Amino acid sequence: MQFVSRREVKQNNAEIAFLQDKDGGAIELTYWRDKKELKEGDNFDHIAFEVSDIDSTIQDLRGHGVTITMEPFSLQGSSSKIAFIKDPDGNWLELIESHK
């Protein structure tokens, strides 16, 4: 994997970095500066999936009874839209709208 970019997430006092493989697969790493305890909703340790239209994906998932934990939004300074849902076991999953 190759380093692609990194940026500050000021509202969470964190920094994120992105790595990508030669086939386009990516990993996002998060560094939390002040976290001493993690609790549900911290959006730590989760898997993210890229979707082409986050709003229609959320509506479809809602229609199937999926718990939407955070409606689509953009972090300050980002053009990407993200949302969070829960899987049947209660794990948080992130959805990221692609810009392809």
C-alpha atoms as a PDB file:
ATOM      1  CA  MET A   1       0.000   0.000   0.000  1.00  0.00           C
ATOM      2  CA  GLN A   2       1.081   3.517  -0.733  1.00  0.00           C
ATOM      3  CA  PHE A   3       0.434   6.648   1.299  1.00  0.00           C
ATOM      4  CA  VAL A   4      -2.080   8.889  -0.524  1.00  0.00           C
ATOM      5  CA  SER A   5      -2.947  11.762   1.803  1.00  0.00           C
ATOM      6  CA  ARG A   6      -3.624  12.883   5.339  1.00  0.00           C
ATOM      7  CA  ARG A   7      -5.703  15.632   6.869  1.00  0.00           C
ATOM      8  CA  GLU A   8      -6.838  17.134  10.133  1.00  0.00           C
ATOM      9  CA  VAL A   9     -10.355  16.552  11.456  1.00  0.00           C
ATOM     10  CA  LYS A  10     -10.484  19.541  13.778  1.00  0.00           C
ATOM     11  CA  GLN A  11     -13.942  18.920  15.223  1.00  0.00           C
ATOM     12  CA  ASN A  12     -12.723  15.525  16.532  1.00  0.00           C
ATOM     13  CA  ASN A  13      -9.165  16.618  17.352  1.00  0.00           C
ATOM     14  CA  ALA A  14      -7.962  13.820  15.110  1.00  0.00           C
ATOM     15  CA  GLU A  15      -5.944  13.194  11.988  1.00  0.00           C
ATOM     16  CA  ILE A  16      -6.786  10.736   9.228  1.00  0.00           C
ATOM     17  CA  ALA A  17      -4.477   9.199   6.656  1.00  0.00           C
ATOM     18  CA  PHE A  18      -5.360   7.238   3.531  1.00  0.00           C
ATOM     19  CA  LEU A  19      -3.432   4.348   1.998  1.00  0.00           C
ATOM     20  CA  GLN A  20      -4.253   2.761  -1.358  1.00  0.00           C
ATOM     21  CA  ASP A  21      -3.204  -0.425  -3.119  1.00  0.00           C
ATOM     22  CA  LYS A  22      -2.433  -0.748  -6.839  1.00  0.00           C
ATOM     23  CA  ASP A  23      -5.995  -1.950  -7.560  1.00  0.00           C
ATOM     24  CA  GLY A  24      -7.689   1.034  -5.919  1.00  0.00           C
ATOM     25  CA  GLY A  25      -8.482  -0.585  -2.565  1.00  0.00           C
ATOM     26  CA  ALA A  26      -8.041   1.860   0.296  1.00  0.00           C
ATOM     27  CA  ILE A  27      -7.610   2.001   4.065  1.00  0.00           C
ATOM     28  CA  GLU A  28      -8.308   5.010   6.273  1.00  0.00           C
ATOM     29  CA  LEU A  29      -6.330   5.256   9.521  1.00  0.00           C
ATOM     30  CA  THR A  30      -7.461   7.522  12.365  1.00  0.00           C
ATOM     31  CA  TYR A  31      -5.297   9.031  15.084  1.00  0.00           C
ATOM     32  CA  TRP A  32      -7.283  10.453  18.014  1.00  0.00           C
ATOM     33  CA  ARG A  33      -5.161  12.929  19.962  1.00  0.00           C
ATOM     34  CA  ASP A  34      -7.187  13.168  23.200  1.00  0.00           C
ATOM     35  CA  LYS A  35      -9.105   9.887  23.426  1.00  0.00           C
ATOM     36  CA  LYS A  36      -8.601   8.062  26.690  1.00  0.00           C
ATOM     37  CA  GLU A  37     -11.857   6.069  26.544  1.00  0.00           C
ATOM     38  CA  LEU A  38     -13.846   4.836  23.582  1.00  0.00           C
ATOM     39  CA  LYS A  39     -17.609   4.533  23.668  1.00  0.00           C
ATOM     40  CA  GLU A  40     -20.287   3.635  21.168  1.00  0.00           C
ATOM     41  CA  GLY A  41     -20.663   6.381  18.623  1.00  0.00           C
ATOM     42  CA  ASP A  42     -17.026   7.439  18.645  1.00  0.00           C
ATOM     43  CA  ASN A  43     -16.829   6.024  15.100  1.00  0.00           C
ATOM     44  CA  PHE A  44     -13.559   4.333  15.962  1.00  0.00           C
ATOM     45  CA  ASP A  45     -12.738   0.833  14.699  1.00  0.00           C
ATOM     46  CA  HIS A  46     -15.235   0.483  11.895  1.00  0.00           C
ATOM     47  CA  ILE A  47     -15.405  -0.647   8.281  1.00  0.00           C
ATOM     48  CA  ALA A  48     -16.370   1.753   5.496  1.00  0.00           C
ATOM     49  CA  PHE A  49     -18.046   1.004   2.192  1.00  0.00           C
ATOM     50  CA  GLU A  50     -18.057   3.239  -0.865  1.00  0.00           C
ATOM     51  CA  VAL A  51     -21.475   3.900  -2.438  1.00  0.00           C
ATOM     52  CA  SER A  52     -22.366   5.862  -5.578  1.00  0.00           C
ATOM     53  CA  ASP A  53     -25.396   7.731  -4.134  1.00  0.00           C
ATOM     54  CA  ILE A  54     -25.434   7.935  -0.355  1.00  0.00           C
ATOM     55  CA  ASP A  55     -28.893   9.496  -0.054  1.00  0.00           C
ATOM     56  CA  SER A  56     -30.629   6.780  -2.078  1.00  0.00           C
ATOM     57  CA  THR A  57     -28.565   4.087  -0.326  1.00  0.00           C
ATOM     58  CA  ILE A  58     -29.679   5.391   3.091  1.00  0.00           C
ATOM     59  CA  GLN A  59     -33.325   5.484   1.968  1.00  0.00           C
ATOM     60  CA  ASP A  60     -33.080   1.913   0.665  1.00  0.00           C
ATOM     61  CA  LEU A  61     -31.429   0.672   3.873  1.00  0.00           C
ATOM     62  CA  ARG A  62     -34.004   2.501   6.009  1.00  0.00           C
ATOM     63  CA  GLY A  63     -36.753   0.785   4.014  1.00  0.00           C
ATOM     64  CA  HIS A  64     -35.186  -2.561   4.930  1.00  0.00           C
ATOM     65  CA  GLY A  65     -35.172  -1.736   8.655  1.00  0.00           C
ATOM     66  CA  VAL A  66     -31.467  -0.891   8.971  1.00  0.00           C
ATOM     67  CA  THR A  67     -30.624   1.421  11.890  1.00  0.00           C
ATOM     68  CA  ILE A  68     -29.225   4.730  10.616  1.00  0.00           C
ATOM     69  CA  THR A  69     -26.955   6.040  13.369  1.00  0.00           C
ATOM     70  CA  MET A  70     -25.818   9.211  11.567  1.00  0.00           C
ATOM     71  CA  GLU A  71     -27.594  10.695   8.553  1.00  0.00           C
ATOM     72  CA  PRO A  72     -25.453  11.758   5.547  1.00  0.00           C
ATOM     73  CA  PHE A  73     -23.169  14.719   6.275  1.00  0.00           C
ATOM     74  CA  SER A  74     -19.834  16.218   5.279  1.00  0.00           C
ATOM     75  CA  LEU A  75     -16.997  16.898   7.668  1.00  0.00           C
ATOM     76  CA  GLN A  76     -15.826  20.492   7.730  1.00  0.00           C
ATOM     77  CA  GLY A  77     -13.478  21.091   4.792  1.00  0.00           C
ATOM     78  CA  SER A  78     -14.501  17.901   2.961  1.00  0.00           C
ATOM     79  CA  SER A  79     -16.561  17.491  -0.193  1.00  0.00           C
ATOM     80  CA  SER A  80     -17.274  13.822   0.581  1.00  0.00           C
ATOM     81  CA  LYS A  81     -20.580  12.812   2.169  1.00  0.00           C
ATOM     82  CA  ILE A  82     -20.565  10.073   4.785  1.00  0.00           C
ATOM     83  CA  ALA A  83     -23.160   8.316   6.934  1.00  0.00           C
ATOM     84  CA  PHE A  84     -23.133   5.599   9.594  1.00  0.00           C
ATOM     85  CA  ILE A  85     -25.397   2.586   9.997  1.00  0.00           C
ATOM     86  CA  LYS A  86     -25.467  -0.409  12.338  1.00  0.00           C
ATOM     87  CA  ASP A  87     -25.146  -3.997  11.186  1.00  0.00           C
ATOM     88  CA  PRO A  88     -27.376  -6.689  12.764  1.00  0.00           C
ATOM     89  CA  ASP A  89     -24.803  -7.170  15.555  1.00  0.00           C
ATOM     90  CA  GLY A  90     -24.763  -3.455  16.409  1.00  0.00           C
ATOM     91  CA  ASN A  91     -21.378  -2.692  14.799  1.00  0.00           C
ATOM     92  CA  TRP A  92     -21.018   0.720  13.196  1.00  0.00           C
ATOM     93  CA  LEU A  93     -20.430   0.773   9.420  1.00  0.00           C
ATOM     94  CA  GLU A  94     -19.501   3.888   7.486  1.00  0.00           C
ATOM     95  CA  LEU A  95     -20.837   4.679   4.018  1.00  0.00           C
ATOM     96  CA  ILE A  96     -18.810   7.054   1.839  1.00  0.00           C
ATOM     97  CA  GLU A  97     -20.214   8.562  -1.348  1.00  0.00           C
ATOM     98  CA  SER A  98     -17.824   8.055  -4.235  1.00  0.00           C
ATOM     99  CA  HIS A  99     -16.884  10.876  -6.588  1.00  0.00           C
ATOM    100  CA  LYS A 100     -16.169   8.684  -9.610  1.00  0.00           C
END
